[in-house]
């Protein structure tokens, strides 16, 4: 496994961990951990796509990262009701 494969595997792995934890209700779908895993995983996957010059996944993972950042910001700004 070369460097590009390793980077891509780590990035996609983080996105899949977030998805798995969400599907099995182990983390909140609008929680900080969910968004953070998606931001980091998406950004790493986008970088891996840049390394191999694969434009469709550069776009996909870049948008995935941006949407996750927006979701995190909205989640942080949401008023907490106790």
PDB file of N, CA and C in Angstrom:
ATOM      1  N   UNK A   1       0.860  -1.178   0.000  1.00  0.00           N
ATOM      2  CA  UNK A   1       0.000   0.000   0.000  1.00  0.00           C
ATOM      3  C   UNK A   1       0.904   1.237   0.000  1.00  0.00           C
ATOM      4  N   UNK A   2       0.673   2.121  -0.965  1.00  0.00           N
ATOM      5  CA  UNK A   2       1.498   3.325  -1.040  1.00  0.00           C
ATOM      6  C   UNK A   2       0.899   4.456  -0.202  1.00  0.00           C
ATOM      7  N   UNK A   3       1.572   5.591  -0.194  1.00  0.00           N
ATOM      8  CA  UNK A   3       1.157   6.730   0.629  1.00  0.00           C
ATOM      9  C   UNK A   3      -0.258   7.194   0.275  1.00  0.00           C
ATOM     10  N   UNK A   4      -0.556   7.317  -1.016  1.00  0.00           N
ATOM     11  CA  UNK A   4      -1.882   7.765  -1.453  1.00  0.00           C
ATOM     12  C   UNK A   4      -2.986   6.847  -0.929  1.00  0.00           C
ATOM     13  N   UNK A   5      -2.743   5.546  -1.014  1.00  0.00           N
ATOM     14  CA  UNK A   5      -3.720   4.569  -0.530  1.00  0.00           C
ATOM     15  C   UNK A   5      -3.915   4.679   0.974  1.00  0.00           C
ATOM     16  N   UNK A   6      -2.833   4.866   1.700  1.00  0.00           N
ATOM     17  CA  UNK A   6      -2.907   4.979   3.157  1.00  0.00           C
ATOM     18  C   UNK A   6      -3.707   6.213   3.569  1.00  0.00           C
ATOM     19  N   UNK A   7      -3.398   7.338   2.946  1.00  0.00           N
ATOM     20  CA  UNK A   7      -4.116   8.576   3.259  1.00  0.00           C
ATOM     21  C   UNK A   7      -5.602   8.409   2.946  1.00  0.00           C
ATOM     22  N   UNK A   8      -5.920   7.874   1.781  1.00  0.00           N
ATOM     23  CA  UNK A   8      -7.311   7.676   1.394  1.00  0.00           C
ATOM     24  C   UNK A   8      -8.042   6.725   2.325  1.00  0.00           C
ATOM     25  N   UNK A   9      -7.370   5.667   2.732  1.00  0.00           N
ATOM     26  CA  UNK A   9      -7.982   4.689   3.630  1.00  0.00           C
ATOM     27  C   UNK A   9      -8.302   5.307   4.987  1.00  0.00           C
ATOM     28  N   UNK A  10      -7.408   6.107   5.509  1.00  0.00           N
ATOM     29  CA  UNK A  10      -7.645   6.779   6.793  1.00  0.00           C
ATOM     30  C   UNK A  10      -8.838   7.731   6.668  1.00  0.00           C
ATOM     31  N   UNK A  11      -8.861   8.528   5.610  1.00  0.00           N
ATOM     32  CA  UNK A  11      -9.957   9.489   5.419  1.00  0.00           C
ATOM     33  C   UNK A  11     -11.306   8.815   5.280  1.00  0.00           C
ATOM     34  N   UNK A  12     -11.381   7.840   4.395  1.00  0.00           N
ATOM     35  CA  UNK A  12     -12.643   7.132   4.188  1.00  0.00           C
ATOM     36  C   UNK A  12     -13.023   6.361   5.449  1.00  0.00           C
ATOM     37  N   UNK A  13     -12.031   5.831   6.143  1.00  0.00           N
ATOM     38  CA  UNK A  13     -12.303   5.110   7.382  1.00  0.00           C
ATOM     39  C   UNK A  13     -12.976   5.991   8.428  1.00  0.00           C
ATOM     40  N   UNK A  14     -12.518   7.226   8.552  1.00  0.00           N
ATOM     41  CA  UNK A  14     -13.129   8.145   9.520  1.00  0.00           C
ATOM     42  C   UNK A  14     -14.574   8.472   9.157  1.00  0.00           C
ATOM     43  N   UNK A  15     -14.828   8.683   7.871  1.00  0.00           N
ATOM     44  CA  UNK A  15     -16.205   8.942   7.422  1.00  0.00           C
ATOM     45  C   UNK A  15     -17.084   7.727   7.707  1.00  0.00           C
ATOM     46  N   UNK A  16     -16.576   6.538   7.453  1.00  0.00           N
ATOM     47  CA  UNK A  16     -17.357   5.327   7.709  1.00  0.00           C
ATOM     48  C   UNK A  16     -17.581   5.088   9.194  1.00  0.00           C
ATOM     49  N   UNK A  17     -16.610   5.408  10.025  1.00  0.00           N
ATOM     50  CA  UNK A  17     -16.789   5.284  11.475  1.00  0.00           C
ATOM     51  C   UNK A  17     -17.909   6.216  11.930  1.00  0.00           C
ATOM     52  N   UNK A  18     -17.901   7.449  11.427  1.00  0.00           N
ATOM     53  CA  UNK A  18     -18.965   8.402  11.779  1.00  0.00           C
ATOM     54  C   UNK A  18     -20.328   7.855  11.360  1.00  0.00           C
ATOM     55  N   UNK A  19     -20.404   7.319  10.156  1.00  0.00           N
ATOM     56  CA  UNK A  19     -21.654   6.763   9.641  1.00  0.00           C
ATOM     57  C   UNK A  19     -22.115   5.580  10.499  1.00  0.00           C
ATOM     58  N   UNK A  20     -21.216   4.670  10.801  1.00  0.00           N
ATOM     59  CA  UNK A  20     -21.526   3.496  11.619  1.00  0.00           C
ATOM     60  C   UNK A  20     -22.033   3.910  13.003  1.00  0.00           C
ATOM     61  N   UNK A  21     -21.304   4.810  13.655  1.00  0.00           N
ATOM     62  CA  UNK A  21     -21.706   5.248  14.994  1.00  0.00           C
ATOM     63  C   UNK A  21     -23.066   5.940  14.965  1.00  0.00           C
ATOM     64  N   UNK A  22     -23.343   6.678  13.909  1.00  0.00           N
ATOM     65  CA  UNK A  22     -24.631   7.353  13.761  1.00  0.00           C
ATOM     66  C   UNK A  22     -25.753   6.345  13.526  1.00  0.00           C
ATOM     67  N   UNK A  23     -25.556   5.423  12.605  1.00  0.00           N
ATOM     68  CA  UNK A  23     -26.597   4.442  12.263  1.00  0.00           C
ATOM     69  C   UNK A  23     -26.986   3.606  13.476  1.00  0.00           C
ATOM     70  N   UNK A  24     -26.028   3.263  14.305  1.00  0.00           N
ATOM     71  CA  UNK A  24     -26.312   2.442  15.482  1.00  0.00           C
ATOM     72  C   UNK A  24     -26.574   3.289  16.730  1.00  0.00           C
ATOM     73  N   UNK A  25     -26.860   4.576  16.525  1.00  0.00           N
ATOM     74  CA  UNK A  25     -27.238   5.509  17.596  1.00  0.00           C
ATOM     75  C   UNK A  25     -26.221   5.561  18.735  1.00  0.00           C
ATOM     76  N   UNK A  26     -24.956   5.448  18.380  1.00  0.00           N
ATOM     77  CA  UNK A  26     -23.909   5.547  19.385  1.00  0.00           C
ATOM     78  C   UNK A  26     -23.431   6.991  19.550  1.00  0.00           C
ATOM     79  N   UNK A  27     -23.719   7.817  18.551  1.00  0.00           N
ATOM     80  CA  UNK A  27     -23.472   9.251  18.636  1.00  0.00           C
ATOM     81  C   UNK A  27     -24.664   9.970  18.021  1.00  0.00           C
ATOM     82  N   UNK A  28     -24.824  11.244  18.374  1.00  0.00           N
ATOM     83  CA  UNK A  28     -25.931  12.027  17.834  1.00  0.00           C
ATOM     84  C   UNK A  28     -25.633  12.449  16.395  1.00  0.00           C
ATOM     85  N   UNK A  29     -26.679  12.420  15.563  1.00  0.00           N
ATOM     86  CA  UNK A  29     -26.492  12.797  14.158  1.00  0.00           C
ATOM     87  C   UNK A  29     -26.177  14.277  13.989  1.00  0.00           C
ATOM     88  N   UNK A  30     -26.485  15.083  14.980  1.00  0.00           N
ATOM     89  CA  UNK A  30     -26.160  16.507  14.913  1.00  0.00           C
ATOM     90  C   UNK A  30     -25.159  16.882  16.005  1.00  0.00           C
ATOM     91  N   UNK A  31     -24.378  15.888  16.441  1.00  0.00           N
ATOM     92  CA  UNK A  31     -23.406  16.128  17.505  1.00  0.00           C
ATOM     93  C   UNK A  31     -22.043  16.546  16.973  1.00  0.00           C
ATOM     94  N   UNK A  32     -21.261  17.104  17.847  1.00  0.00           N
ATOM     95  CA  UNK A  32     -19.938  17.601  17.492  1.00  0.00           C
ATOM     96  C   UNK A  32     -19.034  16.474  16.996  1.00  0.00           C
ATOM     97  N   UNK A  33     -19.085  15.303  17.626  1.00  0.00           N
ATOM     98  CA  UNK A  33     -18.224  14.194  17.212  1.00  0.00           C
ATOM     99  C   UNK A  33     -18.553  13.739  15.790  1.00  0.00           C
ATOM    100  N   UNK A  34     -19.837  13.642  15.469  1.00  0.00           N
ATOM    101  CA  UNK A  34     -20.259  13.224  14.133  1.00  0.00           C
ATOM    102  C   UNK A  34     -19.706  14.183  13.075  1.00  0.00           C
ATOM    103  N   UNK A  35     -19.890  15.469  13.294  1.00  0.00           N
ATOM    104  CA  UNK A  35     -19.420  16.451  12.325  1.00  0.00           C
ATOM    105  C   UNK A  35     -17.898  16.491  12.264  1.00  0.00           C
ATOM    106  N   UNK A  36     -17.246  16.372  13.408  1.00  0.00           N
ATOM    107  CA  UNK A  36     -15.787  16.420  13.436  1.00  0.00           C
ATOM    108  C   UNK A  36     -15.176  15.250  12.665  1.00  0.00           C
ATOM    109  N   UNK A  37     -15.716  14.049  12.869  1.00  0.00           N
ATOM    110  CA  UNK A  37     -15.226  12.882  12.122  1.00  0.00           C
ATOM    111  C   UNK A  37     -15.421  13.076  10.621  1.00  0.00           C
ATOM    112  N   UNK A  38     -16.569  13.629  10.240  1.00  0.00           N
ATOM    113  CA  UNK A  38     -16.842  13.866   8.821  1.00  0.00           C
ATOM    114  C   UNK A  38     -15.943  14.955   8.244  1.00  0.00           C
ATOM    115  N   UNK A  39     -15.675  15.997   9.008  1.00  0.00           N
ATOM    116  CA  UNK A  39     -14.797  17.071   8.532  1.00  0.00           C
ATOM    117  C   UNK A  39     -13.377  16.538   8.319  1.00  0.00           C
ATOM    118  N   UNK A  40     -12.853  15.878   9.319  1.00  0.00           N
ATOM    119  CA  UNK A  40     -11.482  15.366   9.218  1.00  0.00           C
ATOM    120  C   UNK A  40     -11.386  14.288   8.140  1.00  0.00           C
ATOM    121  N   UNK A  41     -12.328  13.349   8.157  1.00  0.00           N
ATOM    122  CA  UNK A  41     -12.327  12.279   7.159  1.00  0.00           C
ATOM    123  C   UNK A  41     -12.501  12.797   5.747  1.00  0.00           C
ATOM    124  N   UNK A  42     -13.427  13.726   5.572  1.00  0.00           N
ATOM    125  CA  UNK A  42     -13.649  14.314   4.254  1.00  0.00           C
ATOM    126  C   UNK A  42     -12.440  15.084   3.755  1.00  0.00           C
ATOM    127  N   UNK A  43     -11.824  15.841   4.638  1.00  0.00           N
ATOM    128  CA  UNK A  43     -10.642  16.629   4.249  1.00  0.00           C
ATOM    129  C   UNK A  43      -9.472  15.717   3.876  1.00  0.00           C
ATOM    130  N   UNK A  44      -9.265  14.672   4.656  1.00  0.00           N
ATOM    131  CA  UNK A  44      -8.181  13.728   4.346  1.00  0.00           C
ATOM    132  C   UNK A  44      -8.469  13.007   3.032  1.00  0.00           C
ATOM    133  N   UNK A  45      -9.722  12.612   2.826  1.00  0.00           N
ATOM    134  CA  UNK A  45     -10.095  11.948   1.575  1.00  0.00           C
ATOM    135  C   UNK A  45      -9.933  12.890   0.384  1.00  0.00           C
ATOM    136  N   UNK A  46     -10.272  14.144   0.572  1.00  0.00           N
ATOM    137  CA  UNK A  46     -10.098  15.148  -0.485  1.00  0.00           C
ATOM    138  C   UNK A  46      -8.613  15.289  -0.819  1.00  0.00           C
ATOM    139  N   UNK A  47      -7.779  15.322   0.191  1.00  0.00           N
ATOM    140  CA  UNK A  47      -6.336  15.407  -0.021  1.00  0.00           C
ATOM    141  C   UNK A  47      -5.828  14.187  -0.798  1.00  0.00           C
ATOM    142  N   UNK A  48      -6.300  13.003  -0.418  1.00  0.00           N
ATOM    143  CA  UNK A  48      -5.898  11.781  -1.125  1.00  0.00           C
ATOM    144  C   UNK A  48      -6.330  11.845  -2.588  1.00  0.00           C
ATOM    145  N   UNK A  49      -7.507  12.387  -2.849  1.00  0.00           N
ATOM    146  CA  UNK A  49      -7.986  12.533  -4.225  1.00  0.00           C
ATOM    147  C   UNK A  49      -7.132  13.531  -4.995  1.00  0.00           C
ATOM    148  N   UNK A  50      -6.690  14.586  -4.306  1.00  0.00           N
ATOM    149  CA  UNK A  50      -5.769  15.539  -4.933  1.00  0.00           C
ATOM    150  C   UNK A  50      -4.453  14.869  -5.311  1.00  0.00           C
ATOM    151  N   UNK A  51      -3.966  13.990  -4.429  1.00  0.00           N
ATOM    152  CA  UNK A  51      -2.701  13.306  -4.689  1.00  0.00           C
ATOM    153  C   UNK A  51      -2.755  12.462  -5.958  1.00  0.00           C
ATOM    154  N   UNK A  52      -3.916  11.887  -6.249  1.00  0.00           N
ATOM    155  CA  UNK A  52      -4.037  11.033  -7.442  1.00  0.00           C
ATOM    156  C   UNK A  52      -4.704  11.774  -8.602  1.00  0.00           C
ATOM    157  N   UNK A  53      -4.993  13.060  -8.405  1.00  0.00           N
ATOM    158  CA  UNK A  53      -5.572  13.907  -9.456  1.00  0.00           C
ATOM    159  C   UNK A  53      -6.893  13.350  -9.985  1.00  0.00           C
ATOM    160  N   UNK A  54      -7.795  12.958  -9.064  1.00  0.00           N
ATOM    161  CA  UNK A  54      -9.088  12.416  -9.464  1.00  0.00           C
ATOM    162  C   UNK A  54     -10.179  13.424  -9.122  1.00  0.00           C
ATOM    163  N   UNK A  55     -10.510  14.257 -10.102  1.00  0.00           N
ATOM    164  CA  UNK A  55     -11.388  15.404  -9.914  1.00  0.00           C
ATOM    165  C   UNK A  55     -12.765  15.068  -9.338  1.00  0.00           C
ATOM    166  N   UNK A  56     -13.447  13.994  -9.786  1.00  0.00           N
ATOM    167  CA  UNK A  56     -14.777  13.743  -9.214  1.00  0.00           C
ATOM    168  C   UNK A  56     -14.766  13.594  -7.685  1.00  0.00           C
ATOM    169  N   UNK A  57     -13.755  12.920  -7.150  1.00  0.00           N
ATOM    170  CA  UNK A  57     -13.701  12.739  -5.708  1.00  0.00           C
ATOM    171  C   UNK A  57     -13.121  13.952  -4.991  1.00  0.00           C
ATOM    172  N   UNK A  58     -12.338  14.755  -5.670  1.00  0.00           N
ATOM    173  CA  UNK A  58     -11.904  16.021  -5.091  1.00  0.00           C
ATOM    174  C   UNK A  58     -13.137  16.874  -4.822  1.00  0.00           C
ATOM    175  N   UNK A  59     -14.030  16.937  -5.813  1.00  0.00           N
ATOM    176  CA  UNK A  59     -15.269  17.711  -5.676  1.00  0.00           C
ATOM    177  C   UNK A  59     -16.161  17.100  -4.598  1.00  0.00           C
ATOM    178  N   UNK A  60     -16.374  15.791  -4.661  1.00  0.00           N
ATOM    179  CA  UNK A  60     -17.242  15.105  -3.693  1.00  0.00           C
ATOM    180  C   UNK A  60     -16.763  15.315  -2.267  1.00  0.00           C
ATOM    181  N   UNK A  61     -15.506  15.029  -2.016  1.00  0.00           N
ATOM    182  CA  UNK A  61     -14.984  15.110  -0.647  1.00  0.00           C
ATOM    183  C   UNK A  61     -14.834  16.555  -0.188  1.00  0.00           C
ATOM    184  N   UNK A  62     -14.539  17.459  -1.113  1.00  0.00           N
ATOM    185  CA  UNK A  62     -14.484  18.877  -0.752  1.00  0.00           C
ATOM    186  C   UNK A  62     -15.843  19.388  -0.311  1.00  0.00           C
ATOM    187  N   UNK A  63     -16.881  19.029  -1.065  1.00  0.00           N
ATOM    188  CA  UNK A  63     -18.239  19.431  -0.693  1.00  0.00           C
ATOM    189  C   UNK A  63     -18.661  18.751   0.598  1.00  0.00           C
ATOM    190  N   UNK A  64     -18.308  17.485   0.762  1.00  0.00           N
ATOM    191  CA  UNK A  64     -18.615  16.744   1.994  1.00  0.00           C
ATOM    192  C   UNK A  64     -18.030  17.478   3.201  1.00  0.00           C
ATOM    193  N   UNK A  65     -16.812  17.930   3.071  1.00  0.00           N
ATOM    194  CA  UNK A  65     -16.140  18.643   4.156  1.00  0.00           C
ATOM    195  C   UNK A  65     -16.815  19.978   4.445  1.00  0.00           C
ATOM    196  N   UNK A  66     -17.130  20.732   3.394  1.00  0.00           N
ATOM    197  CA  UNK A  66     -17.779  22.036   3.572  1.00  0.00           C
ATOM    198  C   UNK A  66     -19.149  21.886   4.212  1.00  0.00           C
ATOM    199  N   UNK A  67     -19.934  20.930   3.750  1.00  0.00           N
ATOM    200  CA  UNK A  67     -21.272  20.708   4.323  1.00  0.00           C
ATOM    201  C   UNK A  67     -21.156  20.302   5.792  1.00  0.00           C
ATOM    202  N   UNK A  68     -20.165  19.493   6.108  1.00  0.00           N
ATOM    203  CA  UNK A  68     -19.969  19.084   7.503  1.00  0.00           C
ATOM    204  C   UNK A  68     -19.553  20.261   8.380  1.00  0.00           C
ATOM    205  N   UNK A  69     -18.746  21.162   7.843  1.00  0.00           N
ATOM    206  CA  UNK A  69     -18.363  22.362   8.596  1.00  0.00           C
ATOM    207  C   UNK A  69     -19.588  23.225   8.866  1.00  0.00           C
ATOM    208  N   UNK A  70     -20.422  23.399   7.850  1.00  0.00           N
ATOM    209  CA  UNK A  70     -21.656  24.181   8.021  1.00  0.00           C
ATOM    210  C   UNK A  70     -22.549  23.514   9.071  1.00  0.00           C
ATOM    211  N   UNK A  71     -22.686  22.197   9.000  1.00  0.00           N
ATOM    212  CA  UNK A  71     -23.483  21.478   9.987  1.00  0.00           C
ATOM    213  C   UNK A  71     -22.950  21.648  11.394  1.00  0.00           C
ATOM    214  N   UNK A  72     -21.635  21.583  11.543  1.00  0.00           N
ATOM    215  CA  UNK A  72     -21.026  21.773  12.856  1.00  0.00           C
ATOM    216  C   UNK A  72     -21.299  23.174  13.383  1.00  0.00           C
ATOM    217  N   UNK A  73     -21.139  24.173  12.531  1.00  0.00           N
ATOM    218  CA  UNK A  73     -21.383  25.549  12.961  1.00  0.00           C
ATOM    219  C   UNK A  73     -22.843  25.755  13.366  1.00  0.00           C
ATOM    220  N   UNK A  74     -23.759  25.182  12.609  1.00  0.00           N
ATOM    221  CA  UNK A  74     -25.177  25.288  12.962  1.00  0.00           C
ATOM    222  C   UNK A  74     -25.463  24.571  14.277  1.00  0.00           C
ATOM    223  N   UNK A  75     -24.820  23.431  14.475  1.00  0.00           N
ATOM    224  CA  UNK A  75     -25.017  22.661  15.703  1.00  0.00           C
ATOM    225  C   UNK A  75     -24.490  23.414  16.917  1.00  0.00           C
ATOM    226  N   UNK A  76     -23.361  24.075  16.759  1.00  0.00           N
ATOM    227  CA  UNK A  76     -22.771  24.836  17.866  1.00  0.00           C
ATOM    228  C   UNK A  76     -23.630  26.053  18.198  1.00  0.00           C
ATOM    229  N   UNK A  77     -24.191  26.709  17.188  1.00  0.00           N
ATOM    230  CA  UNK A  77     -24.974  27.918  17.399  1.00  0.00           C
ATOM    231  C   UNK A  77     -26.394  27.624  17.879  1.00  0.00           C
ATOM    232  N   UNK A  78     -26.839  26.358  17.777  1.00  0.00           N
ATOM    233  CA  UNK A  78     -28.193  26.005  18.194  1.00  0.00           C
ATOM    234  C   UNK A  78     -28.332  26.191  19.696  1.00  0.00           C
ATOM    235  N   UNK A  79     -29.402  26.877  20.129  1.00  0.00           N
ATOM    236  CA  UNK A  79     -29.593  27.057  21.574  1.00  0.00           C
ATOM    237  C   UNK A  79     -29.805  25.715  22.271  1.00  0.00           C
ATOM    238  N   UNK A  80     -29.166  25.563  23.399  1.00  0.00           N
ATOM    239  CA  UNK A  80     -29.302  24.349  24.193  1.00  0.00           C
ATOM    240  C   UNK A  80     -30.493  24.438  25.119  1.00  0.00           C
ATOM    241  N   UNK A  81     -31.373  23.455  25.048  1.00  0.00           N
ATOM    242  CA  UNK A  81     -32.553  23.424  25.905  1.00  0.00           C
ATOM    243  C   UNK A  81     -32.362  22.286  26.910  1.00  0.00           C
ATOM    244  N   UNK A  82     -32.439  22.617  28.174  1.00  0.00           N
ATOM    245  CA  UNK A  82     -32.236  21.608  29.216  1.00  0.00           C
ATOM    246  C   UNK A  82     -33.519  21.151  29.794  1.00  0.00           C
TER     247      UNK A  82
END
